[in-house]
Amino acid sequence: MSWVKQALAELLNGRQVKIRPIGGSMRGRIESGQRVTLIPIGHQEVGIDDIVFIKWKNNYLLHIVKDKTESALLIGNNLGKINGWTPRNTVIGKVIAIEE
């Protein structure tokens, strides 16, 4: 099972999940294959610099909240790329732990 499917299956059922995401856009903060813990989260419980699991343009990403308004979040990766604004209701989960 891919890490995205595993995360969705648990988070959408209100459960915490430990995953090993694959990819390089968060390197320096989360390395490819490093174990992270996600919790399901209400879209209002997100702060700047939080790492969130979101639905983004028919895909799913773990990215950083760079800025926020009452209704939207500005997301980007850890390499300086800004993806853009997304509605708060696209947030599915939040990283609460990154293991060594």
C-alpha atoms as a PDB file:
ATOM      1  CA  MET A   1       0.000   0.000   0.000  1.00  0.00           C
ATOM      2  CA  SER A   2       1.378   3.404  -0.900  1.00  0.00           C
ATOM      3  CA  TRP A   3       2.001   5.890   1.881  1.00  0.00           C
ATOM      4  CA  VAL A   4      -0.766   8.132   0.524  1.00  0.00           C
ATOM      5  CA  LYS A   5      -3.360   5.346   0.559  1.00  0.00           C
ATOM      6  CA  GLN A   6      -2.284   4.313   4.049  1.00  0.00           C
ATOM      7  CA  ALA A   7      -2.516   7.908   5.317  1.00  0.00           C
ATOM      8  CA  LEU A   8      -5.930   8.452   3.749  1.00  0.00           C
ATOM      9  CA  ALA A   9      -7.329   5.169   5.085  1.00  0.00           C
ATOM     10  CA  GLU A  10      -6.388   6.009   8.661  1.00  0.00           C
ATOM     11  CA  LEU A  11      -6.856   9.796   8.779  1.00  0.00           C
ATOM     12  CA  LEU A  12     -10.283   9.741   7.138  1.00  0.00           C
ATOM     13  CA  ASN A  13     -11.359   7.274   9.833  1.00  0.00           C
ATOM     14  CA  GLY A  14     -10.148   9.600  12.576  1.00  0.00           C
ATOM     15  CA  ARG A  15      -6.998   7.650  13.428  1.00  0.00           C
ATOM     16  CA  GLN A  16      -3.363   8.654  13.824  1.00  0.00           C
ATOM     17  CA  VAL A  17      -1.002   7.027  11.315  1.00  0.00           C
ATOM     18  CA  LYS A  18       2.747   6.474  10.907  1.00  0.00           C
ATOM     19  CA  ILE A  19       3.960   6.580   7.317  1.00  0.00           C
ATOM     20  CA  ARG A  20       7.186   6.712   5.325  1.00  0.00           C
ATOM     21  CA  PRO A  21       6.589   9.281   2.573  1.00  0.00           C
ATOM     22  CA  ILE A  22       8.703   9.068  -0.572  1.00  0.00           C
ATOM     23  CA  GLY A  23       9.918  12.195  -2.355  1.00  0.00           C
ATOM     24  CA  GLY A  24      12.471  14.966  -2.193  1.00  0.00           C
ATOM     25  CA  SER A  25      10.533  18.212  -1.873  1.00  0.00           C
ATOM     26  CA  MET A  26      10.695  18.225   1.930  1.00  0.00           C
ATOM     27  CA  ARG A  27      14.351  17.158   2.282  1.00  0.00           C
ATOM     28  CA  GLY A  28      16.138  18.876   5.103  1.00  0.00           C
ATOM     29  CA  ARG A  29      12.986  18.537   7.173  1.00  0.00           C
ATOM     30  CA  ILE A  30      11.625  15.122   6.136  1.00  0.00           C
ATOM     31  CA  GLU A  31      13.933  12.825   4.189  1.00  0.00           C
ATOM     32  CA  SER A  32      12.506  10.391   1.641  1.00  0.00           C
ATOM     33  CA  GLY A  33      11.413   7.262   3.514  1.00  0.00           C
ATOM     34  CA  GLN A  34      11.756   8.833   6.960  1.00  0.00           C
ATOM     35  CA  ARG A  35       8.985   7.832   9.365  1.00  0.00           C
ATOM     36  CA  VAL A  36       6.484  10.536  10.306  1.00  0.00           C
ATOM     37  CA  THR A  37       3.353  10.537  12.436  1.00  0.00           C
ATOM     38  CA  LEU A  38       0.190  12.253  11.192  1.00  0.00           C
ATOM     39  CA  ILE A  39      -2.990  13.076  13.063  1.00  0.00           C
ATOM     40  CA  PRO A  40      -6.373  13.902  11.580  1.00  0.00           C
ATOM     41  CA  ILE A  41      -7.038  17.583  11.941  1.00  0.00           C
ATOM     42  CA  GLY A  42      -9.802  20.098  11.550  1.00  0.00           C
ATOM     43  CA  HIS A  43      -8.985  22.689   8.907  1.00  0.00           C
ATOM     44  CA  GLN A  44      -8.957  25.482  11.502  1.00  0.00           C
ATOM     45  CA  GLU A  45      -6.251  23.815  13.628  1.00  0.00           C
ATOM     46  CA  VAL A  46      -3.324  24.720  11.367  1.00  0.00           C
ATOM     47  CA  GLY A  47      -0.538  27.204  12.030  1.00  0.00           C
ATOM     48  CA  ILE A  48       2.234  28.766   9.988  1.00  0.00           C
ATOM     49  CA  ASP A  49       5.216  26.389   9.660  1.00  0.00           C
ATOM     50  CA  ASP A  50       3.065  23.296  10.327  1.00  0.00           C
ATOM     51  CA  ILE A  51       3.566  20.401   7.931  1.00  0.00           C
ATOM     52  CA  VAL A  52       0.206  19.318   6.571  1.00  0.00           C
ATOM     53  CA  PHE A  53      -1.102  16.468   4.445  1.00  0.00           C
ATOM     54  CA  ILE A  54      -3.417  18.032   1.877  1.00  0.00           C
ATOM     55  CA  LYS A  55      -5.290  17.296  -1.298  1.00  0.00           C
ATOM     56  CA  TRP A  56      -3.647  19.384  -4.017  1.00  0.00           C
ATOM     57  CA  LYS A  57      -4.806  19.393  -7.656  1.00  0.00           C
ATOM     58  CA  ASN A  58      -5.928  15.741  -7.801  1.00  0.00           C
ATOM     59  CA  ASN A  59      -2.896  14.633  -5.781  1.00  0.00           C
ATOM     60  CA  TYR A  60      -1.803  14.565  -2.143  1.00  0.00           C
ATOM     61  CA  LEU A  61       1.178  16.374  -0.617  1.00  0.00           C
ATOM     62  CA  LEU A  62       3.027  16.798   2.645  1.00  0.00           C
ATOM     63  CA  HIS A  63       3.955  20.495   2.585  1.00  0.00           C
ATOM     64  CA  ILE A  64       4.569  23.442   4.878  1.00  0.00           C
ATOM     65  CA  VAL A  65       2.043  26.146   5.706  1.00  0.00           C
ATOM     66  CA  LYS A  66       3.820  29.371   4.697  1.00  0.00           C
ATOM     67  CA  ASP A  67       0.968  31.809   5.405  1.00  0.00           C
ATOM     68  CA  LYS A  68      -2.731  31.663   6.197  1.00  0.00           C
ATOM     69  CA  THR A  69      -5.947  33.597   6.072  1.00  0.00           C
ATOM     70  CA  GLU A  70      -9.278  32.794   7.618  1.00  0.00           C
ATOM     71  CA  SER A  71     -10.245  30.659   4.618  1.00  0.00           C
ATOM     72  CA  ALA A  72      -7.019  29.567   2.893  1.00  0.00           C
ATOM     73  CA  LEU A  73      -3.456  28.360   3.383  1.00  0.00           C
ATOM     74  CA  LEU A  74      -0.360  29.208   1.369  1.00  0.00           C
ATOM     75  CA  ILE A  75       1.663  26.014   0.980  1.00  0.00           C
ATOM     76  CA  GLY A  76       5.161  25.291  -0.167  1.00  0.00           C
ATOM     77  CA  ASN A  77       7.940  22.753   0.132  1.00  0.00           C
ATOM     78  CA  ASN A  78      11.135  22.850   2.169  1.00  0.00           C
ATOM     79  CA  LEU A  79      13.249  23.823  -0.853  1.00  0.00           C
ATOM     80  CA  GLY A  80      11.750  27.281  -1.283  1.00  0.00           C
ATOM     81  CA  LYS A  81       9.018  26.508  -3.821  1.00  0.00           C
ATOM     82  CA  ILE A  82       5.632  28.062  -3.139  1.00  0.00           C
ATOM     83  CA  ASN A  83       2.794  25.974  -4.555  1.00  0.00           C
ATOM     84  CA  GLY A  84       0.032  28.501  -3.936  1.00  0.00           C
ATOM     85  CA  TRP A  85      -3.126  29.077  -1.939  1.00  0.00           C
ATOM     86  CA  THR A  86      -5.499  26.263  -1.096  1.00  0.00           C
ATOM     87  CA  PRO A  87      -8.787  26.265   0.819  1.00  0.00           C
ATOM     88  CA  ARG A  88      -8.429  25.208   4.454  1.00  0.00           C
ATOM     89  CA  ASN A  89     -10.801  22.309   3.883  1.00  0.00           C
ATOM     90  CA  THR A  90      -8.148  20.539   1.755  1.00  0.00           C
ATOM     91  CA  VAL A  91      -6.177  19.723   4.931  1.00  0.00           C
ATOM     92  CA  ILE A  92      -6.520  16.073   5.902  1.00  0.00           C
ATOM     93  CA  GLY A  93      -3.808  15.706   8.526  1.00  0.00           C
ATOM     94  CA  LYS A  94      -0.877  17.289  10.286  1.00  0.00           C
ATOM     95  CA  VAL A  95       2.608  15.981  11.082  1.00  0.00           C
ATOM     96  CA  ILE A  96       3.160  15.750  14.831  1.00  0.00           C
ATOM     97  CA  ALA A  97       6.427  13.763  14.860  1.00  0.00           C
ATOM     98  CA  ILE A  98       9.393  13.088  12.590  1.00  0.00           C
ATOM     99  CA  GLU A  99      11.533  10.151  13.671  1.00  0.00           C
ATOM    100  CA  GLU A 100      15.303   9.962  13.223  1.00  0.00           C
END
